[in-house]
Amino acid sequence: MSSAPSHDPAPPHTSGPILNLPNFLTSLRILAVPVLIWLLASEGDSARFWATAVFLIAALTDLVDGAVARRRNQITSFGKLADPIADKALIGTALIGLSLLGELSWWFTIIILIREIGITVMRMWVLSDGVIPASRGGKLKTLAQVIAISMYLLAPADISWWNGAQLTVMSIAVALTLVTGIDYVLEALRLRKAADKSRATPNSTSTPPPTSADAV
């Protein structure tokens, strides 16, 4: 584990109109959550197939909305707040649903949820000092979680080695979740320490902090 995550360049802050394509995609991800709950509660192979499809499509919007927002310089306060909420809601709903169905160990779900909720609280703690931009590790963690959850959602009964593959990929996702979580905490502490030092130094000038934080 490196002492600091490698960050992508952060785009400039903008306060453009809230009605834009990135925010629309984020809203779709939020609306997918109750649909996913209904599909997981339904019986039948078709319901599980559509649950997998809804989850994957919603997860794909997470990759698209951030890229579009940066390319079009359409980063808004709503997007910065709603995007991580939508991510956590989608991932958390899928994990809790699978655990309630007895298909995924609660230990996996608890570890991932504690990390995600903890990082959200940490983000709020350092919000006045800046936002840590997306790291490659965070994006890899999210990708691993999406792949692992999709494998558990699909769960074909006619493939004998599928259970072992599910467990392996989910274990990798949990490991990445923990490692990137520790890196994020260390980076947040460095950000807070630097901000405190800057405030304590008279007539100090500092570069405005980054304002984008996808996939942490």
Protein backbone atom coordinates (compact mmCIF):
# COMPACT_ATOMS: atom_id res chain seq x y z
CA MET A 1 0.00 0.00 0.00
CA SER A 2 1.47 3.34 -0.98
CA SER A 3 1.50 6.21 1.43
CA ALA A 4 -0.64 8.32 -0.89
CA PRO A 5 -3.03 7.38 -3.66
CA SER A 6 -2.28 8.47 -7.19
CA HIS A 7 -4.90 11.02 -8.14
CA ASP A 8 -6.35 12.05 -11.45
CA PRO A 9 -6.31 15.74 -12.20
CA ALA A 10 -9.29 17.53 -10.69
CA PRO A 11 -11.41 19.81 -12.87
CA PRO A 12 -12.17 23.38 -11.92
CA HIS A 13 -15.21 24.06 -9.83
CA THR A 14 -18.31 25.22 -11.59
CA SER A 15 -21.79 26.09 -10.43
CA GLY A 16 -23.63 25.52 -13.68
CA PRO A 17 -27.30 24.59 -14.07
CA ILE A 18 -28.44 21.57 -12.08
CA LEU A 19 -30.37 20.19 -15.07
CA ASN A 20 -27.60 18.58 -17.10
CA LEU A 21 -26.70 15.14 -18.44
CA PRO A 22 -24.35 14.08 -15.59
CA ASN A 23 -26.98 14.88 -12.94
CA PHE A 24 -29.63 13.09 -15.00
CA LEU A 25 -27.48 9.95 -15.08
CA THR A 26 -26.86 10.22 -11.34
CA SER A 27 -30.60 10.52 -10.74
CA LEU A 28 -31.21 7.42 -12.85
CA ARG A 29 -28.81 5.53 -10.58
CA ILE A 30 -30.79 6.60 -7.54
CA LEU A 31 -34.08 5.59 -9.19
CA ALA A 32 -32.58 2.17 -9.99
CA VAL A 33 -32.32 1.36 -6.28
CA PRO A 34 -36.05 0.67 -5.60
CA VAL A 35 -36.27 -1.22 -8.90
CA LEU A 36 -33.36 -3.41 -7.80
CA ILE A 37 -35.02 -4.04 -4.43
CA TRP A 38 -38.26 -5.12 -6.14
CA LEU A 39 -36.44 -7.45 -8.54
CA LEU A 40 -34.41 -9.07 -5.76
CA ALA A 41 -37.61 -9.67 -3.79
CA SER A 42 -39.23 -11.31 -6.82
CA GLU A 43 -38.91 -14.98 -7.64
CA GLY A 44 -37.84 -16.58 -10.88
CA ASP A 45 -34.80 -16.63 -13.14
CA SER A 46 -36.08 -13.74 -15.23
CA ALA A 47 -36.30 -11.47 -12.18
CA ARG A 48 -32.71 -12.27 -11.27
CA PHE A 49 -31.59 -11.65 -14.85
CA TRP A 50 -33.25 -8.24 -14.86
CA ALA A 51 -31.82 -7.44 -11.42
CA THR A 52 -28.35 -8.08 -12.84
CA ALA A 53 -29.10 -5.96 -15.90
CA VAL A 54 -30.46 -3.05 -13.84
CA PHE A 55 -27.45 -3.17 -11.51
CA LEU A 56 -24.94 -3.21 -14.37
CA ILE A 57 -26.64 -0.41 -16.29
CA ALA A 58 -26.88 1.71 -13.14
CA ALA A 59 -23.23 1.03 -12.32
CA LEU A 60 -22.28 2.04 -15.85
CA THR A 61 -23.87 5.46 -15.34
CA ASP A 62 -21.36 6.01 -12.53
CA LEU A 63 -18.53 5.76 -15.05
CA VAL A 64 -20.31 7.90 -17.62
CA ASP A 65 -21.61 10.78 -15.47
CA GLY A 66 -18.21 11.61 -13.99
CA ALA A 67 -16.48 11.56 -17.36
CA VAL A 68 -19.19 13.71 -18.96
CA ALA A 69 -19.15 16.19 -16.07
CA ARG A 70 -15.40 16.65 -16.36
CA ARG A 71 -15.40 16.87 -20.15
CA ARG A 72 -18.24 19.41 -20.26
CA ASN A 73 -17.19 21.21 -17.08
CA GLN A 74 -20.65 20.53 -15.62
CA ILE A 75 -19.68 19.79 -12.02
CA THR A 76 -22.38 21.06 -9.69
CA SER A 77 -22.94 21.04 -5.95
CA PHE A 78 -25.86 18.66 -6.47
CA GLY A 79 -23.67 16.28 -8.45
CA LYS A 80 -20.89 16.28 -5.88
CA LEU A 81 -23.40 15.44 -3.15
CA ALA A 82 -25.70 13.05 -5.03
CA ASP A 83 -23.06 11.05 -6.91
CA PRO A 84 -21.45 9.34 -3.88
CA ILE A 85 -24.88 8.84 -2.28
CA ALA A 86 -26.13 7.12 -5.42
CA ASP A 87 -23.03 4.91 -5.54
CA LYS A 88 -23.30 3.82 -1.92
CA ALA A 89 -27.07 3.25 -2.21
CA LEU A 90 -26.70 1.04 -5.28
CA ILE A 91 -23.81 -1.03 -3.93
CA GLY A 92 -25.33 -1.25 -0.44
CA THR A 93 -28.74 -2.32 -1.72
CA ALA A 94 -27.25 -5.12 -3.81
CA LEU A 95 -25.04 -6.37 -0.97
CA ILE A 96 -27.77 -6.28 1.67
CA GLY A 97 -30.24 -7.91 -0.70
CA LEU A 98 -27.86 -10.77 -1.49
CA SER A 99 -27.09 -11.29 2.20
CA LEU A 100 -30.78 -11.31 3.12
CA LEU A 101 -31.31 -13.97 0.47
CA GLY A 102 -28.53 -16.03 2.07
CA GLU A 103 -26.37 -15.91 -1.06
CA LEU A 104 -23.58 -13.68 0.27
CA SER A 105 -21.87 -13.83 3.65
CA TRP A 106 -22.84 -10.93 5.90
CA TRP A 107 -19.15 -10.46 6.69
CA PHE A 108 -18.49 -9.23 3.14
CA THR A 109 -21.47 -6.90 3.28
CA ILE A 110 -20.61 -5.50 6.71
CA ILE A 111 -16.95 -4.86 5.86
CA ILE A 112 -17.78 -3.04 2.63
CA LEU A 113 -20.61 -1.00 4.16
CA ILE A 114 -18.50 0.07 7.16
CA ARG A 115 -15.75 1.22 4.80
CA GLU A 116 -18.12 3.10 2.50
CA ILE A 117 -20.05 4.78 5.31
CA GLY A 118 -16.82 5.60 7.14
CA ILE A 119 -15.29 7.22 4.07
CA THR A 120 -18.47 9.24 3.53
CA VAL A 121 -18.24 10.54 7.10
CA MET A 122 -14.53 11.27 6.57
CA ARG A 123 -15.36 13.18 3.38
CA MET A 124 -17.80 15.36 5.30
CA TRP A 125 -15.15 15.93 7.99
CA VAL A 126 -12.63 17.38 5.53
CA LEU A 127 -15.17 19.02 3.23
CA SER A 128 -14.26 22.52 4.37
CA ASP A 129 -10.60 21.84 3.56
CA GLY A 130 -11.17 20.33 0.13
CA VAL A 131 -12.14 17.10 -1.57
CA ILE A 132 -9.69 14.36 -2.46
CA PRO A 133 -9.92 13.62 -6.20
CA ALA A 134 -10.49 10.15 -7.58
CA SER A 135 -7.67 7.63 -7.30
CA ARG A 136 -6.95 4.76 -9.64
CA GLY A 137 -7.21 2.44 -6.65
CA GLY A 138 -10.68 3.75 -5.88
CA LYS A 139 -11.81 3.17 -9.44
CA LEU A 140 -10.34 -0.34 -9.40
CA LYS A 141 -12.13 -1.03 -6.11
CA THR A 142 -15.45 0.07 -7.58
CA LEU A 143 -14.91 -2.05 -10.68
CA ALA A 144 -14.09 -5.11 -8.57
CA GLN A 145 -17.19 -4.57 -6.43
CA VAL A 146 -19.42 -4.25 -9.51
CA ILE A 147 -17.99 -7.41 -11.09
CA ALA A 148 -18.28 -9.41 -7.85
CA ILE A 149 -21.84 -8.29 -7.12
CA SER A 150 -22.87 -8.97 -10.72
CA MET A 151 -21.50 -12.51 -10.43
CA TYR A 152 -23.56 -13.11 -7.28
CA LEU A 153 -26.66 -11.58 -8.86
CA LEU A 154 -26.44 -13.69 -11.99
CA ALA A 155 -25.48 -16.95 -10.23
CA PRO A 156 -26.03 -19.50 -13.05
CA ALA A 157 -26.86 -22.89 -11.57
CA ASP A 158 -25.32 -24.95 -14.38
CA ILE A 159 -21.69 -23.80 -13.95
CA SER A 160 -19.93 -25.87 -11.28
CA TRP A 161 -16.95 -23.58 -10.71
CA TRP A 162 -19.03 -20.39 -10.43
CA ASN A 163 -19.24 -20.41 -6.62
CA GLY A 164 -15.46 -20.48 -6.28
CA ALA A 165 -15.09 -17.70 -8.83
CA GLN A 166 -17.68 -15.59 -7.00
CA LEU A 167 -15.86 -15.98 -3.70
CA THR A 168 -12.47 -15.18 -5.25
CA VAL A 169 -13.61 -12.00 -6.99
CA MET A 170 -15.55 -10.81 -3.93
CA SER A 171 -12.50 -11.41 -1.72
CA ILE A 172 -10.40 -9.30 -4.10
CA ALA A 173 -13.05 -6.58 -4.01
CA VAL A 174 -13.06 -6.57 -0.20
CA ALA A 175 -9.26 -6.41 -0.07
CA LEU A 176 -9.23 -3.43 -2.45
CA THR A 177 -12.02 -1.85 -0.42
CA LEU A 178 -9.94 -2.02 2.76
CA VAL A 179 -6.65 -0.90 1.18
CA THR A 180 -8.15 2.09 -0.62
CA GLY A 181 -10.10 2.98 2.51
CA ILE A 182 -6.90 3.17 4.54
CA ASP A 183 -5.23 5.26 1.82
CA TYR A 184 -8.20 7.63 1.77
CA VAL A 185 -8.07 8.09 5.55
CA LEU A 186 -4.34 8.86 5.42
CA GLU A 187 -4.86 11.33 2.58
CA ALA A 188 -7.75 12.99 4.43
CA LEU A 189 -5.61 13.37 7.55
CA ARG A 190 -2.82 14.94 5.46
CA LEU A 191 -5.33 17.32 3.90
CA ARG A 192 -6.68 18.35 7.29
CA LYS A 193 -3.16 18.77 8.71
CA ALA A 194 -2.09 20.93 5.77
CA ALA A 195 -5.24 23.05 6.09
CA ASP A 196 -4.71 23.54 9.82
CA LYS A 197 -1.11 24.57 9.18
CA SER A 198 -2.19 26.99 6.48
CA ARG A 199 -4.78 28.59 8.77
CA ALA A 200 -2.21 28.91 11.53
CA THR A 201 0.28 30.70 9.27
CA PRO A 202 -0.39 34.45 8.94
CA ASN A 203 -0.72 35.85 5.40
CA SER A 204 -0.35 32.38 3.93
CA THR A 205 -1.61 31.64 0.47
CA SER A 206 -2.64 28.26 -0.74
CA THR A 207 -3.91 26.69 -3.92
CA PRO A 208 -7.66 26.12 -3.86
CA PRO A 209 -8.41 22.48 -3.10
CA PRO A 210 -9.75 20.11 -5.74
CA THR A 211 -13.48 19.75 -6.00
CA SER A 212 -14.12 16.34 -7.50
CA ALA A 213 -14.12 12.99 -5.72
CA ASP A 214 -15.45 10.10 -7.75
CA ALA A 215 -14.90 6.49 -6.77
CA VAL A 216 -13.09 6.78 -3.48
